[in-house]
């Protein structure tokens, strides 16, 4: 709450654009998953894995056990998604 007064119009616009792009990504991903498209499965993996560098950055600059736990959970989710996409792809080929 203390940072809210520091948000100028330029920062607010940048946050708005970033939020719009992020929501458009998730909307596209959701439609693709609903339609059972392979590209959407890969997009889900990329979007989920895209958070890992931010989590590592946070751990190095402000370490904490909760941040490490979140990183481990995210890594497990990415590994599971890769496993499932490969398993389903292998099943479809047979």
PDB file of N, CA and C in Angstrom:
ATOM      1  N   UNK A   1       0.820  -1.190   0.000  1.00  0.00           N
ATOM      2  CA  UNK A   1       0.000   0.000   0.000  1.00  0.00           C
ATOM      3  C   UNK A   1       0.867   1.258   0.000  1.00  0.00           C
ATOM      4  N   UNK A   2       2.063   1.160   0.589  1.00  0.00           N
ATOM      5  CA  UNK A   2       2.929   2.337   0.656  1.00  0.00           C
ATOM      6  C   UNK A   2       3.417   2.762  -0.724  1.00  0.00           C
ATOM      7  N   UNK A   3       3.489   1.845  -1.667  1.00  0.00           N
ATOM      8  CA  UNK A   3       4.013   2.144  -3.004  1.00  0.00           C
ATOM      9  C   UNK A   3       2.971   2.754  -3.931  1.00  0.00           C
ATOM     10  N   UNK A   4       1.719   2.695  -3.579  1.00  0.00           N
ATOM     11  CA  UNK A   4       0.661   3.193  -4.464  1.00  0.00           C
ATOM     12  C   UNK A   4       0.844   4.669  -4.821  1.00  0.00           C
ATOM     13  N   UNK A   5       1.200   5.555  -3.887  1.00  0.00           N
ATOM     14  CA  UNK A   5       1.400   6.959  -4.276  1.00  0.00           C
ATOM     15  C   UNK A   5       2.555   7.160  -5.263  1.00  0.00           C
ATOM     16  N   UNK A   6       3.500   6.189  -5.334  1.00  0.00           N
ATOM     17  CA  UNK A   6       4.645   6.306  -6.234  1.00  0.00           C
ATOM     18  C   UNK A   6       4.314   5.928  -7.676  1.00  0.00           C
ATOM     19  N   UNK A   7       3.108   5.460  -7.938  1.00  0.00           N
ATOM     20  CA  UNK A   7       2.734   5.050  -9.287  1.00  0.00           C
ATOM     21  C   UNK A   7       2.311   6.280 -10.090  1.00  0.00           C
ATOM     22  N   UNK A   8       3.162   6.629 -11.055  1.00  0.00           N
ATOM     23  CA  UNK A   8       2.833   7.764 -11.919  1.00  0.00           C
ATOM     24  C   UNK A   8       2.071   7.257 -13.150  1.00  0.00           C
ATOM     25  N   UNK A   9       1.554   8.153 -13.975  1.00  0.00           N
ATOM     26  CA  UNK A   9       0.778   7.720 -15.150  1.00  0.00           C
ATOM     27  C   UNK A   9       1.554   6.802 -16.097  1.00  0.00           C
ATOM     28  N   UNK A  10       2.860   7.035 -16.243  1.00  0.00           N
ATOM     29  CA  UNK A  10       3.664   6.186 -17.123  1.00  0.00           C
ATOM     30  C   UNK A  10       3.722   4.756 -16.581  1.00  0.00           C
ATOM     31  N   UNK A  11       3.977   4.603 -15.278  1.00  0.00           N
ATOM     32  CA  UNK A  11       4.034   3.275 -14.668  1.00  0.00           C
ATOM     33  C   UNK A  11       2.670   2.593 -14.728  1.00  0.00           C
ATOM     34  N   UNK A  12       1.619   3.356 -14.514  1.00  0.00           N
ATOM     35  CA  UNK A  12       0.272   2.802 -14.555  1.00  0.00           C
ATOM     36  C   UNK A  12      -0.053   2.296 -15.965  1.00  0.00           C
ATOM     37  N   UNK A  13       0.342   3.047 -16.975  1.00  0.00           N
ATOM     38  CA  UNK A  13       0.108   2.616 -18.361  1.00  0.00           C
ATOM     39  C   UNK A  13       0.914   1.355 -18.660  1.00  0.00           C
ATOM     40  N   UNK A  14       2.170   1.295 -18.221  1.00  0.00           N
ATOM     41  CA  UNK A  14       2.992   0.103 -18.446  1.00  0.00           C
ATOM     42  C   UNK A  14       2.377  -1.110 -17.755  1.00  0.00           C
ATOM     43  N   UNK A  15       1.894  -0.934 -16.541  1.00  0.00           N
ATOM     44  CA  UNK A  15       1.230  -2.023 -15.832  1.00  0.00           C
ATOM     45  C   UNK A  15      -0.039  -2.457 -16.558  1.00  0.00           C
ATOM     46  N   UNK A  16      -0.774  -1.515 -17.086  1.00  0.00           N
ATOM     47  CA  UNK A  16      -2.006  -1.826 -17.819  1.00  0.00           C
ATOM     48  C   UNK A  16      -1.702  -2.627 -19.083  1.00  0.00           C
ATOM     49  N   UNK A  17      -0.690  -2.219 -19.829  1.00  0.00           N
ATOM     50  CA  UNK A  17      -0.318  -2.932 -21.052  1.00  0.00           C
ATOM     51  C   UNK A  17       0.165  -4.337 -20.705  1.00  0.00           C
ATOM     52  N   UNK A  18       0.991  -4.448 -19.693  1.00  0.00           N
ATOM     53  CA  UNK A  18       1.484  -5.765 -19.261  1.00  0.00           C
ATOM     54  C   UNK A  18       0.356  -6.676 -18.823  1.00  0.00           C
ATOM     55  N   UNK A  19      -0.580  -6.137 -18.082  1.00  0.00           N
ATOM     56  CA  UNK A  19      -1.729  -6.915 -17.634  1.00  0.00           C
ATOM     57  C   UNK A  19      -2.585  -7.363 -18.810  1.00  0.00           C
ATOM     58  N   UNK A  20      -2.780  -6.486 -19.784  1.00  0.00           N
ATOM     59  CA  UNK A  20      -3.560  -6.836 -20.971  1.00  0.00           C
ATOM     60  C   UNK A  20      -2.885  -7.969 -21.744  1.00  0.00           C
ATOM     61  N   UNK A  21      -1.587  -7.863 -21.955  1.00  0.00           N
ATOM     62  CA  UNK A  21      -0.852  -8.896 -22.692  1.00  0.00           C
ATOM     63  C   UNK A  21      -0.912 -10.226 -21.945  1.00  0.00           C
ATOM     64  N   UNK A  22      -0.736 -10.170 -20.637  1.00  0.00           N
ATOM     65  CA  UNK A  22      -0.773 -11.381 -19.813  1.00  0.00           C
ATOM     66  C   UNK A  22      -2.149 -12.041 -19.873  1.00  0.00           C
ATOM     67  N   UNK A  23      -3.202 -11.239 -19.805  1.00  0.00           N
ATOM     68  CA  UNK A  23      -4.555 -11.802 -19.875  1.00  0.00           C
ATOM     69  C   UNK A  23      -4.856 -12.339 -21.273  1.00  0.00           C
ATOM     70  N   UNK A  24      -4.349 -11.691 -22.312  1.00  0.00           N
ATOM     71  CA  UNK A  24      -4.544 -12.181 -23.678  1.00  0.00           C
ATOM     72  C   UNK A  24      -3.842 -13.526 -23.863  1.00  0.00           C
ATOM     73  N   UNK A  25      -2.663 -13.673 -23.268  1.00  0.00           N
ATOM     74  CA  UNK A  25      -1.940 -14.941 -23.324  1.00  0.00           C
ATOM     75  C   UNK A  25      -2.761 -16.051 -22.673  1.00  0.00           C
ATOM     76  N   UNK A  26      -3.287 -15.777 -21.481  1.00  0.00           N
ATOM     77  CA  UNK A  26      -4.067 -16.796 -20.787  1.00  0.00           C
ATOM     78  C   UNK A  26      -5.394 -17.081 -21.489  1.00  0.00           C
ATOM     79  N   UNK A  27      -6.002 -16.086 -22.080  1.00  0.00           N
ATOM     80  CA  UNK A  27      -7.232 -16.301 -22.836  1.00  0.00           C
ATOM     81  C   UNK A  27      -6.964 -17.206 -24.038  1.00  0.00           C
ATOM     82  N   UNK A  28      -5.901 -16.902 -24.777  1.00  0.00           N
ATOM     83  CA  UNK A  28      -5.525 -17.712 -25.937  1.00  0.00           C
ATOM     84  C   UNK A  28      -5.193 -19.134 -25.507  1.00  0.00           C
ATOM     85  N   UNK A  29      -4.453 -19.250 -24.432  1.00  0.00           N
ATOM     86  CA  UNK A  29      -4.083 -20.556 -23.904  1.00  0.00           C
ATOM     87  C   UNK A  29      -5.340 -21.355 -23.512  1.00  0.00           C
ATOM     88  N   UNK A  30      -6.265 -20.713 -22.836  1.00  0.00           N
ATOM     89  CA  UNK A  30      -7.491 -21.383 -22.408  1.00  0.00           C
ATOM     90  C   UNK A  30      -8.333 -21.859 -23.572  1.00  0.00           C
ATOM     91  N   UNK A  31      -8.477 -21.018 -24.594  1.00  0.00           N
ATOM     92  CA  UNK A  31      -9.237 -21.414 -25.783  1.00  0.00           C
ATOM     93  C   UNK A  31      -8.562 -22.605 -26.465  1.00  0.00           C
ATOM     94  N   UNK A  32      -7.243 -22.538 -26.585  1.00  0.00           N
ATOM     95  CA  UNK A  32      -6.505 -23.639 -27.211  1.00  0.00           C
ATOM     96  C   UNK A  32      -6.631 -24.938 -26.427  1.00  0.00           C
ATOM     97  N   UNK A  33      -6.565 -24.855 -25.105  1.00  0.00           N
ATOM     98  CA  UNK A  33      -6.721 -26.063 -24.294  1.00  0.00           C
ATOM     99  C   UNK A  33      -8.138 -26.607 -24.396  1.00  0.00           C
ATOM    100  N   UNK A  34      -9.117 -25.717 -24.429  1.00  0.00           N
ATOM    101  CA  UNK A  34     -10.500 -26.136 -24.572  1.00  0.00           C
ATOM    102  C   UNK A  34     -10.710 -26.885 -25.891  1.00  0.00           C
ATOM    103  N   UNK A  35     -10.038 -26.418 -26.933  1.00  0.00           N
ATOM    104  CA  UNK A  35     -10.140 -27.051 -28.254  1.00  0.00           C
ATOM    105  C   UNK A  35      -9.163 -28.220 -28.417  1.00  0.00           C
ATOM    106  N   UNK A  36      -8.428 -28.526 -27.351  1.00  0.00           N
ATOM    107  CA  UNK A  36      -7.464 -29.645 -27.319  1.00  0.00           C
ATOM    108  C   UNK A  36      -6.391 -29.515 -28.403  1.00  0.00           C
ATOM    109  N   UNK A  37      -5.799 -28.336 -28.486  1.00  0.00           N
ATOM    110  CA  UNK A  37      -4.743 -28.073 -29.465  1.00  0.00           C
ATOM    111  C   UNK A  37      -3.377 -28.316 -28.827  1.00  0.00           C
ATOM    112  N   UNK A  38      -2.492 -28.923 -29.595  1.00  0.00           N
ATOM    113  CA  UNK A  38      -1.140 -29.236 -29.107  1.00  0.00           C
ATOM    114  C   UNK A  38      -0.361 -27.957 -28.781  1.00  0.00           C
ATOM    115  N   UNK A  39      -0.505 -26.921 -29.617  1.00  0.00           N
ATOM    116  CA  UNK A  39       0.228 -25.670 -29.389  1.00  0.00           C
ATOM    117  C   UNK A  39      -0.149 -25.052 -28.053  1.00  0.00           C
ATOM    118  N   UNK A  40      -1.385 -25.252 -27.620  1.00  0.00           N
ATOM    119  CA  UNK A  40      -1.819 -24.688 -26.345  1.00  0.00           C
ATOM    120  C   UNK A  40      -1.159 -25.409 -25.181  1.00  0.00           C
ATOM    121  N   UNK A  41      -0.961 -26.714 -25.323  1.00  0.00           N
ATOM    122  CA  UNK A  41      -0.261 -27.468 -24.283  1.00  0.00           C
ATOM    123  C   UNK A  41       1.176 -26.973 -24.148  1.00  0.00           C
ATOM    124  N   UNK A  42       1.822 -26.749 -25.278  1.00  0.00           N
ATOM    125  CA  UNK A  42       3.199 -26.249 -25.255  1.00  0.00           C
ATOM    126  C   UNK A  42       3.235 -24.824 -24.708  1.00  0.00           C
ATOM    127  N   UNK A  43       2.275 -24.007 -25.087  1.00  0.00           N
ATOM    128  CA  UNK A  43       2.190 -22.639 -24.569  1.00  0.00           C
ATOM    129  C   UNK A  43       2.020 -22.637 -23.052  1.00  0.00           C
ATOM    130  N   UNK A  44       1.256 -23.577 -22.529  1.00  0.00           N
ATOM    131  CA  UNK A  44       1.072 -23.692 -21.088  1.00  0.00           C
ATOM    132  C   UNK A  44       2.395 -24.002 -20.395  1.00  0.00           C
ATOM    133  N   UNK A  45       3.157 -24.907 -20.979  1.00  0.00           N
ATOM    134  CA  UNK A  45       4.466 -25.248 -20.402  1.00  0.00           C
ATOM    135  C   UNK A  45       5.386 -24.037 -20.433  1.00  0.00           C
ATOM    136  N   UNK A  46       5.433 -23.350 -21.560  1.00  0.00           N
ATOM    137  CA  UNK A  46       6.314 -22.177 -21.701  1.00  0.00           C
ATOM    138  C   UNK A  46       5.891 -21.067 -20.729  1.00  0.00           C
ATOM    139  N   UNK A  47       4.593 -20.813 -20.623  1.00  0.00           N
ATOM    140  CA  UNK A  47       4.113 -19.758 -19.724  1.00  0.00           C
ATOM    141  C   UNK A  47       4.411 -20.085 -18.263  1.00  0.00           C
ATOM    142  N   UNK A  48       4.248 -21.363 -17.905  1.00  0.00           N
ATOM    143  CA  UNK A  48       4.533 -21.770 -16.529  1.00  0.00           C
ATOM    144  C   UNK A  48       6.028 -21.718 -16.249  1.00  0.00           C
ATOM    145  N   UNK A  49       6.832 -22.202 -17.178  1.00  0.00           N
ATOM    146  CA  UNK A  49       8.285 -22.193 -17.000  1.00  0.00           C
ATOM    147  C   UNK A  49       8.846 -20.772 -17.062  1.00  0.00           C
ATOM    148  N   UNK A  50       8.132 -19.871 -17.702  1.00  0.00           N
ATOM    149  CA  UNK A  50       8.594 -18.487 -17.807  1.00  0.00           C
ATOM    150  C   UNK A  50       8.686 -17.771 -16.469  1.00  0.00           C
ATOM    151  N   UNK A  51       8.023 -18.288 -15.468  1.00  0.00           N
ATOM    152  CA  UNK A  51       8.084 -17.681 -14.141  1.00  0.00           C
ATOM    153  C   UNK A  51       9.317 -18.117 -13.351  1.00  0.00           C
ATOM    154  N   UNK A  52       9.952 -19.188 -13.774  1.00  0.00           N
ATOM    155  CA  UNK A  52      11.091 -19.732 -13.025  1.00  0.00           C
ATOM    156  C   UNK A  52      12.237 -18.727 -12.900  1.00  0.00           C
ATOM    157  N   UNK A  53      12.655 -18.038 -13.971  1.00  0.00           N
ATOM    158  CA  UNK A  53      13.741 -17.062 -13.801  1.00  0.00           C
ATOM    159  C   UNK A  53      13.404 -15.958 -12.790  1.00  0.00           C
ATOM    160  N   UNK A  54      12.156 -15.519 -12.748  1.00  0.00           N
ATOM    161  CA  UNK A  54      11.765 -14.503 -11.769  1.00  0.00           C
ATOM    162  C   UNK A  54      11.857 -15.041 -10.346  1.00  0.00           C
ATOM    163  N   UNK A  55      11.471 -16.291 -10.172  1.00  0.00           N
ATOM    164  CA  UNK A  55      11.540 -16.896  -8.851  1.00  0.00           C
ATOM    165  C   UNK A  55      12.991 -17.071  -8.398  1.00  0.00           C
ATOM    166  N   UNK A  56      13.863 -17.474  -9.326  1.00  0.00           N
ATOM    167  CA  UNK A  56      15.291 -17.615  -8.998  1.00  0.00           C
ATOM    168  C   UNK A  56      15.880 -16.251  -8.639  1.00  0.00           C
ATOM    169  N   UNK A  57      15.525 -15.235  -9.414  1.00  0.00           N
ATOM    170  CA  UNK A  57      15.986 -13.873  -9.131  1.00  0.00           C
ATOM    171  C   UNK A  57      15.576 -13.446  -7.715  1.00  0.00           C
ATOM    172  N   UNK A  58      14.329 -13.686  -7.372  1.00  0.00           N
ATOM    173  CA  UNK A  58      13.831 -13.324  -6.042  1.00  0.00           C
ATOM    174  C   UNK A  58      14.578 -14.064  -4.945  1.00  0.00           C
ATOM    175  N   UNK A  59      14.869 -15.342  -5.176  1.00  0.00           N
ATOM    176  CA  UNK A  59      15.580 -16.131  -4.163  1.00  0.00           C
ATOM    177  C   UNK A  59      16.979 -15.574  -3.944  1.00  0.00           C
ATOM    178  N   UNK A  60      17.656 -15.161  -5.016  1.00  0.00           N
ATOM    179  CA  UNK A  60      19.003 -14.638  -4.870  1.00  0.00           C
ATOM    180  C   UNK A  60      19.031 -13.255  -4.217  1.00  0.00           C
ATOM    181  N   UNK A  61      18.005 -12.452  -4.450  1.00  0.00           N
ATOM    182  CA  UNK A  61      18.011 -11.099  -3.905  1.00  0.00           C
ATOM    183  C   UNK A  61      17.352 -10.977  -2.546  1.00  0.00           C
ATOM    184  N   UNK A  62      16.338 -11.763  -2.304  1.00  0.00           N
ATOM    185  CA  UNK A  62      15.653 -11.769  -1.000  1.00  0.00           C
ATOM    186  C   UNK A  62      15.272 -13.195  -0.651  1.00  0.00           C
ATOM    187  N   UNK A  63      16.237 -13.995  -0.212  1.00  0.00           N
ATOM    188  CA  UNK A  63      15.966 -15.413   0.021  1.00  0.00           C
ATOM    189  C   UNK A  63      14.966 -15.643   1.158  1.00  0.00           C
ATOM    190  N   UNK A  64      14.284 -16.750   1.038  1.00  0.00           N
ATOM    191  CA  UNK A  64      13.336 -17.151   2.062  1.00  0.00           C
ATOM    192  C   UNK A  64      12.837 -18.552   1.773  1.00  0.00           C
ATOM    193  N   UNK A  65      12.475 -19.275   2.802  1.00  0.00           N
ATOM    194  CA  UNK A  65      12.037 -20.662   2.591  1.00  0.00           C
ATOM    195  C   UNK A  65      10.754 -20.762   1.761  1.00  0.00           C
ATOM    196  N   UNK A  66       9.862 -19.815   1.897  1.00  0.00           N
ATOM    197  CA  UNK A  66       8.620 -19.847   1.117  1.00  0.00           C
ATOM    198  C   UNK A  66       8.910 -19.667  -0.372  1.00  0.00           C
ATOM    199  N   UNK A  67       9.859 -18.808  -0.703  1.00  0.00           N
ATOM    200  CA  UNK A  67      10.213 -18.583  -2.103  1.00  0.00           C
ATOM    201  C   UNK A  67      10.848 -19.834  -2.707  1.00  0.00           C
ATOM    202  N   UNK A  68      11.661 -20.520  -1.924  1.00  0.00           N
ATOM    203  CA  UNK A  68      12.263 -21.772  -2.397  1.00  0.00           C
ATOM    204  C   UNK A  68      11.173 -22.817  -2.613  1.00  0.00           C
ATOM    205  N   UNK A  69      10.213 -22.877  -1.699  1.00  0.00           N
ATOM    206  CA  UNK A  69       9.107 -23.821  -1.830  1.00  0.00           C
ATOM    207  C   UNK A  69       8.286 -23.533  -3.089  1.00  0.00           C
ATOM    208  N   UNK A  70       8.004 -22.272  -3.356  1.00  0.00           N
ATOM    209  CA  UNK A  70       7.255 -21.896  -4.562  1.00  0.00           C
ATOM    210  C   UNK A  70       8.028 -22.303  -5.814  1.00  0.00           C
ATOM    211  N   UNK A  71       9.341 -22.092  -5.820  1.00  0.00           N
ATOM    212  CA  UNK A  71      10.163 -22.490  -6.964  1.00  0.00           C
ATOM    213  C   UNK A  71      10.107 -23.999  -7.163  1.00  0.00           C
ATOM    214  N   UNK A  72      10.233 -24.763  -6.096  1.00  0.00           N
ATOM    215  CA  UNK A  72      10.187 -26.220  -6.206  1.00  0.00           C
ATOM    216  C   UNK A  72       8.834 -26.700  -6.717  1.00  0.00           C
ATOM    217  N   UNK A  73       7.768 -26.083  -6.242  1.00  0.00           N
ATOM    218  CA  UNK A  73       6.432 -26.449  -6.719  1.00  0.00           C
ATOM    219  C   UNK A  73       6.297 -26.126  -8.204  1.00  0.00           C
ATOM    220  N   UNK A  74       6.781 -24.958  -8.612  1.00  0.00           N
ATOM    221  CA  UNK A  74       6.697 -24.570 -10.026  1.00  0.00           C
ATOM    222  C   UNK A  74       7.510 -25.531 -10.893  1.00  0.00           C
ATOM    223  N   UNK A  75       8.688 -25.923 -10.443  1.00  0.00           N
ATOM    224  CA  UNK A  75       9.500 -26.883 -11.189  1.00  0.00           C
ATOM    225  C   UNK A  75       8.783 -28.224 -11.310  1.00  0.00           C
ATOM    226  N   UNK A  76       8.118 -28.643 -10.233  1.00  0.00           N
ATOM    227  CA  UNK A  76       7.375 -29.902 -10.264  1.00  0.00           C
ATOM    228  C   UNK A  76       6.194 -29.815 -11.233  1.00  0.00           C
ATOM    229  N   UNK A  77       5.529 -28.689 -11.257  1.00  0.00           N
ATOM    230  CA  UNK A  77       4.395 -28.505 -12.173  1.00  0.00           C
ATOM    231  C   UNK A  77       4.873 -28.547 -13.620  1.00  0.00           C
ATOM    232  N   UNK A  78       5.968 -27.870 -13.906  1.00  0.00           N
ATOM    233  CA  UNK A  78       6.511 -27.875 -15.273  1.00  0.00           C
ATOM    234  C   UNK A  78       6.913 -29.291 -15.671  1.00  0.00           C
ATOM    235  N   UNK A  79       7.591 -30.007 -14.776  1.00  0.00           N
ATOM    236  CA  UNK A  79       7.989 -31.385 -15.070  1.00  0.00           C
ATOM    237  C   UNK A  79       6.758 -32.261 -15.334  1.00  0.00           C
ATOM    238  N   UNK A  80       5.719 -32.096 -14.534  1.00  0.00           N
ATOM    239  CA  UNK A  80       4.484 -32.868 -14.717  1.00  0.00           C
ATOM    240  C   UNK A  80       3.825 -32.541 -16.058  1.00  0.00           C
ATOM    241  N   UNK A  81       3.763 -31.272 -16.398  1.00  0.00           N
ATOM    242  CA  UNK A  81       3.163 -30.874 -17.671  1.00  0.00           C
ATOM    243  C   UNK A  81       3.930 -31.471 -18.848  1.00  0.00           C
ATOM    244  N   UNK A  82       5.249 -31.429 -18.795  1.00  0.00           N
ATOM    245  CA  UNK A  82       6.067 -32.020 -19.864  1.00  0.00           C
ATOM    246  C   UNK A  82       5.813 -33.517 -19.952  1.00  0.00           C
ATOM    247  N   UNK A  83       5.787 -34.174 -18.795  1.00  0.00           N
ATOM    248  CA  UNK A  83       5.536 -35.614 -18.754  1.00  0.00           C
ATOM    249  C   UNK A  83       4.184 -35.947 -19.382  1.00  0.00           C
ATOM    250  N   UNK A  84       3.150 -35.223 -19.022  1.00  0.00           N
ATOM    251  CA  UNK A  84       1.803 -35.485 -19.539  1.00  0.00           C
ATOM    252  C   UNK A  84       1.696 -35.217 -21.034  1.00  0.00           C
ATOM    253  N   UNK A  85       2.276 -34.146 -21.503  1.00  0.00           N
ATOM    254  CA  UNK A  85       2.220 -33.839 -22.938  1.00  0.00           C
ATOM    255  C   UNK A  85       2.938 -34.921 -23.729  1.00  0.00           C
ATOM    256  N   UNK A  86       4.075 -35.371 -23.231  1.00  0.00           N
ATOM    257  CA  UNK A  86       4.807 -36.437 -23.931  1.00  0.00           C
ATOM    258  C   UNK A  86       4.050 -37.759 -23.872  1.00  0.00           C
ATOM    259  N   UNK A  87       3.437 -38.045 -22.718  1.00  0.00           N
ATOM    260  CA  UNK A  87       2.679 -39.291 -22.566  1.00  0.00           C
ATOM    261  C   UNK A  87       1.465 -39.304 -23.505  1.00  0.00           C
ATOM    262  N   UNK A  88       0.736 -38.205 -23.535  1.00  0.00           N
ATOM    263  CA  UNK A  88      -0.431 -38.125 -24.403  1.00  0.00           C
ATOM    264  C   UNK A  88      -0.040 -38.168 -25.883  1.00  0.00           C
ATOM    265  N   UNK A  89       1.085 -37.549 -26.210  1.00  0.00           N
ATOM    266  CA  UNK A  89       1.572 -37.564 -27.582  1.00  0.00           C
ATOM    267  C   UNK A  89       1.959 -38.993 -27.986  1.00  0.00           C
ATOM    268  N   UNK A  90       2.576 -39.694 -27.071  1.00  0.00           N
ATOM    269  CA  UNK A  90       2.986 -41.085 -27.335  1.00  0.00           C
ATOM    270  C   UNK A  90       1.754 -41.975 -27.484  1.00  0.00           C
ATOM    271  N   UNK A  91       0.731 -41.757 -26.680  1.00  0.00           N
ATOM    272  CA  UNK A  91      -0.498 -42.540 -26.784  1.00  0.00           C
ATOM    273  C   UNK A  91      -1.204 -42.307 -28.117  1.00  0.00           C
ATOM    274  N   UNK A  92      -1.188 -41.081 -28.599  1.00  0.00           N
ATOM    275  CA  UNK A  92      -1.859 -40.763 -29.858  1.00  0.00           C
ATOM    276  C   UNK A  92      -1.143 -41.374 -31.051  1.00  0.00           C
ATOM    277  N   UNK A  93       0.167 -41.588 -30.926  1.00  0.00           N
ATOM    278  CA  UNK A  93       0.925 -42.157 -32.032  1.00  0.00           C
ATOM    279  C   UNK A  93       0.691 -43.654 -32.169  1.00  0.00           C
ATOM    280  N   UNK A  94       0.226 -44.303 -31.129  1.00  0.00           N
ATOM    281  CA  UNK A  94       0.027 -45.755 -31.179  1.00  0.00           C
ATOM    282  C   UNK A  94      -1.296 -46.131 -31.746  1.00  0.00           C
TER     283      UNK A  94
END
